[in-house]
Protein backbone atom coordinates (compact mmCIF):
# COMPACT_ATOMS: atom_id res chain seq x y z
CA UNK A 1 0.09 -0.03 0.12
CA UNK A 2 1.32 3.52 -0.76
CA UNK A 3 0.17 6.80 0.76
CA UNK A 4 0.61 10.32 0.44
CA UNK A 5 1.98 12.08 3.73
CA UNK A 6 2.44 15.68 4.43
CA UNK A 7 5.43 17.26 5.98
CA UNK A 8 5.40 20.83 7.04
CA UNK A 9 8.50 22.98 7.10
CA UNK A 10 8.88 26.58 7.80
CA UNK A 11 9.47 29.07 5.19
CA UNK A 12 10.76 32.37 6.30
CA UNK A 13 9.79 35.88 5.07
CA UNK A 14 11.95 36.72 2.36
CA UNK A 15 11.75 40.50 3.24
CA UNK A 16 12.89 39.82 6.87
CA UNK A 17 15.68 37.08 6.29
CA UNK A 18 17.20 38.21 9.79
CA UNK A 19 14.14 37.65 11.67
CA UNK A 20 13.45 33.90 11.83
CA UNK A 21 11.04 34.24 14.92
CA UNK A 22 8.62 35.76 12.70
CA UNK A 23 7.07 32.59 11.48
CA UNK A 24 3.26 32.44 11.04
CA UNK A 25 1.21 29.57 10.03
CA UNK A 26 0.60 31.10 6.49
CA UNK A 27 4.49 30.79 6.00
CA UNK A 28 4.68 27.23 6.35
CA UNK A 29 4.71 24.84 3.25
CA UNK A 30 3.97 21.41 2.59
CA UNK A 31 6.01 18.86 1.06
CA UNK A 32 4.67 15.67 -0.41
CA UNK A 33 6.60 12.37 -0.15
CA UNK A 34 5.49 8.74 -0.77
CA UNK A 35 5.40 6.19 2.27
CA UNK A 36 4.23 2.89 2.64
CA UNK A 37 2.56 0.53 5.30
CA UNK A 38 0.67 -2.61 5.38
CA UNK A 39 -3.07 -2.36 4.97
CA UNK A 40 -3.63 -4.05 8.01
CA UNK A 41 -1.65 -1.53 10.17
CA UNK A 42 -3.51 1.36 8.67
CA UNK A 43 -7.03 -0.17 9.20
CA UNK A 44 -6.29 -0.96 12.54
CA UNK A 45 -5.18 2.67 13.17
CA UNK A 46 -8.33 3.89 11.49
CA UNK A 47 -10.51 1.80 13.72
CA UNK A 48 -8.60 2.48 17.09
CA UNK A 49 -9.04 6.40 16.39
CA UNK A 50 -12.73 5.95 15.38
CA UNK A 51 -13.38 4.15 19.00
CA UNK A 52 -11.40 6.43 20.94
CA UNK A 53 -13.76 9.11 21.05
CA UNK A 54 -16.16 8.41 23.68
CA UNK A 55 -18.41 11.33 23.83
CA UNK A 56 -21.69 12.32 22.22
CA UNK A 57 -21.89 14.02 18.70
CA UNK A 58 -21.53 17.66 18.96
CA UNK A 59 -22.43 20.56 16.64
CA UNK A 60 -19.10 22.20 15.99
CA UNK A 61 -18.19 25.50 14.25
CA UNK A 62 -14.54 25.44 13.03
CA UNK A 63 -13.20 28.97 12.60
CA UNK A 64 -9.66 28.71 10.79
CA UNK A 65 -8.24 30.63 7.96
CA UNK A 66 -5.61 28.24 6.62
CA UNK A 67 -7.55 26.12 4.20
CA UNK A 68 -5.71 22.86 4.81
CA UNK A 69 -5.95 22.92 8.50
CA UNK A 70 -9.51 23.72 8.20
CA UNK A 71 -10.11 20.85 5.90
CA UNK A 72 -8.25 18.27 8.21
CA UNK A 73 -9.97 19.47 11.28
CA UNK A 74 -13.55 19.06 9.51
CA UNK A 75 -12.75 15.67 8.16
CA UNK A 76 -11.23 14.61 11.46
CA UNK A 77 -14.18 15.65 13.34
CA UNK A 78 -16.66 14.40 10.93
CA UNK A 79 -14.96 11.08 11.41
CA UNK A 80 -15.64 11.20 15.11
CA UNK A 81 -19.39 11.64 14.12
CA UNK A 82 -19.73 15.46 14.79
CA UNK A 83 -21.83 17.85 12.83
CA UNK A 84 -19.47 20.40 11.44
CA UNK A 85 -19.81 24.10 10.03
CA UNK A 86 -16.87 26.05 8.94
CA UNK A 87 -15.81 29.56 8.53
CA UNK A 88 -12.45 31.01 7.17
CA UNK A 89 -12.78 34.30 8.67
CA UNK A 90 -14.26 36.42 11.50
CA UNK A 91 -17.19 37.82 9.35
CA UNK A 92 -18.26 34.42 7.97
CA UNK A 93 -18.12 32.97 11.63
CA UNK A 94 -20.47 35.88 12.96
CA UNK A 95 -22.90 35.26 9.97
CA UNK A 96 -23.02 31.41 10.77
CA UNK A 97 -23.17 31.89 14.58
CA UNK A 98 -26.32 34.12 13.90
CA UNK A 99 -28.14 31.38 11.92
CA UNK A 100 -27.23 28.16 13.92
CA UNK A 101 -27.03 26.71 17.29
CA UNK A 102 -23.60 25.19 18.39
CA UNK A 103 -22.36 23.15 21.20
CA UNK A 104 -18.79 24.14 20.56
CA UNK A 105 -16.89 26.84 18.41
CA UNK A 106 -13.21 25.90 17.79
CA UNK A 107 -11.68 29.25 16.90
CA UNK A 108 -8.22 30.31 15.56
CA UNK A 109 -7.20 33.60 17.20
CA UNK A 110 -5.54 35.21 14.11
CA UNK A 111 -8.07 35.59 11.53
CA UNK A 112 -7.54 37.75 8.44
CA UNK A 113 -10.38 40.08 9.10
CA UNK A 114 -10.36 40.01 12.85
CA UNK A 115 -9.68 38.53 16.08
CA UNK A 116 -10.90 35.17 17.48
CA UNK A 117 -10.98 36.82 20.86
CA UNK A 118 -13.66 39.14 19.53
CA UNK A 119 -15.53 36.27 17.77
CA UNK A 120 -15.84 34.26 20.85
CA UNK A 121 -16.72 37.35 23.04
CA UNK A 122 -19.50 38.11 20.87
CA UNK A 123 -20.99 34.85 20.54
CA UNK A 124 -20.64 34.08 24.41
CA UNK A 125 -22.61 37.40 24.81
CA UNK A 126 -25.59 35.90 22.75
CA UNK A 127 -25.64 32.33 23.89
CA UNK A 128 -23.94 29.83 26.12
CA UNK A 129 -21.53 27.79 24.10
CA UNK A 130 -18.19 25.99 24.82
CA UNK A 131 -15.21 27.85 23.00
CA UNK A 132 -11.71 26.25 22.15
CA UNK A 133 -8.77 28.21 21.05
CA UNK A 134 -6.83 26.61 18.48
CA UNK A 135 -3.83 28.97 17.87
CA UNK A 136 -0.20 29.47 17.83
CA UNK A 137 -0.40 31.90 20.40
CA UNK A 138 0.44 29.93 23.64
CA UNK A 139 2.17 32.38 25.85
CA UNK A 140 0.67 32.62 29.27
CA UNK A 141 -0.53 36.20 28.53
CA UNK A 142 -2.36 34.90 25.33
CA UNK A 143 -3.92 32.06 27.43
CA UNK A 144 -5.23 34.59 30.10
CA UNK A 145 -6.36 37.06 27.09
CA UNK A 146 -8.53 33.89 25.80
CA UNK A 147 -10.07 33.15 29.16
CA UNK A 148 -10.95 36.86 29.41
CA UNK A 149 -12.74 36.73 26.09
CA UNK A 150 -14.38 33.70 26.84
CA UNK A 151 -12.47 30.68 25.61
CA UNK A 152 -13.02 27.72 27.95
CA UNK A 153 -10.08 25.61 26.64
CA UNK A 154 -6.63 26.80 24.93
CA UNK A 155 -4.81 24.36 22.57
CA UNK A 156 -1.77 25.50 20.93
CA UNK A 157 -0.76 24.59 17.30
CA UNK A 158 0.13 22.20 16.26
CA UNK A 159 -2.74 20.81 17.76
CA UNK A 160 -2.48 17.14 19.45
CA UNK A 161 -5.47 15.38 18.06
CA UNK A 162 -5.74 13.11 21.18
CA UNK A 163 -5.73 16.40 23.36
CA UNK A 164 -8.50 17.86 21.23
CA UNK A 165 -10.34 14.63 21.36
CA UNK A 166 -10.11 14.72 25.18
CA UNK A 167 -11.33 18.23 25.32
CA UNK A 168 -14.28 17.39 23.16
CA UNK A 169 -15.18 14.36 25.23
CA UNK A 170 -15.04 16.45 28.33
CA UNK A 171 -17.49 19.10 26.89
CA UNK A 172 -19.74 16.22 25.62
CA UNK A 173 -19.76 14.50 28.97
């Protein structure tokens, strides 16, 4: 069996070659390579992943501006049996939140047209919902600011999917 795997490697801002700390999610590039594995191993992993989510199905809005990340999260969460809606910016998130009920909002902080902090503060004023930050901002000040905005959980990218499942299981309990 052959498969395609994705490896993320940083690419630095060419206009600021001396400042390698200025890496954002948008500056990561994916490189494809071929890998092999036995079909039995792949099947076993798929089954184990599906069975390891113990909670009930949730209505989840995923707010993420990076298309590949949004797609991967949507597929994974759908695989776990959740009902998923997606938004790739703050304005779209606000429209969707105004028209549907959600149990959980998974939200990036840095959005192209606003802040995830503002999106969550607004949704929490309208209705009770659990909010999970999925962000590259993981400093103590960022986590505290997230709590102040209304985030109930804070997961730093790259997100550990086992940790995400545990958070969703806790919400669903």
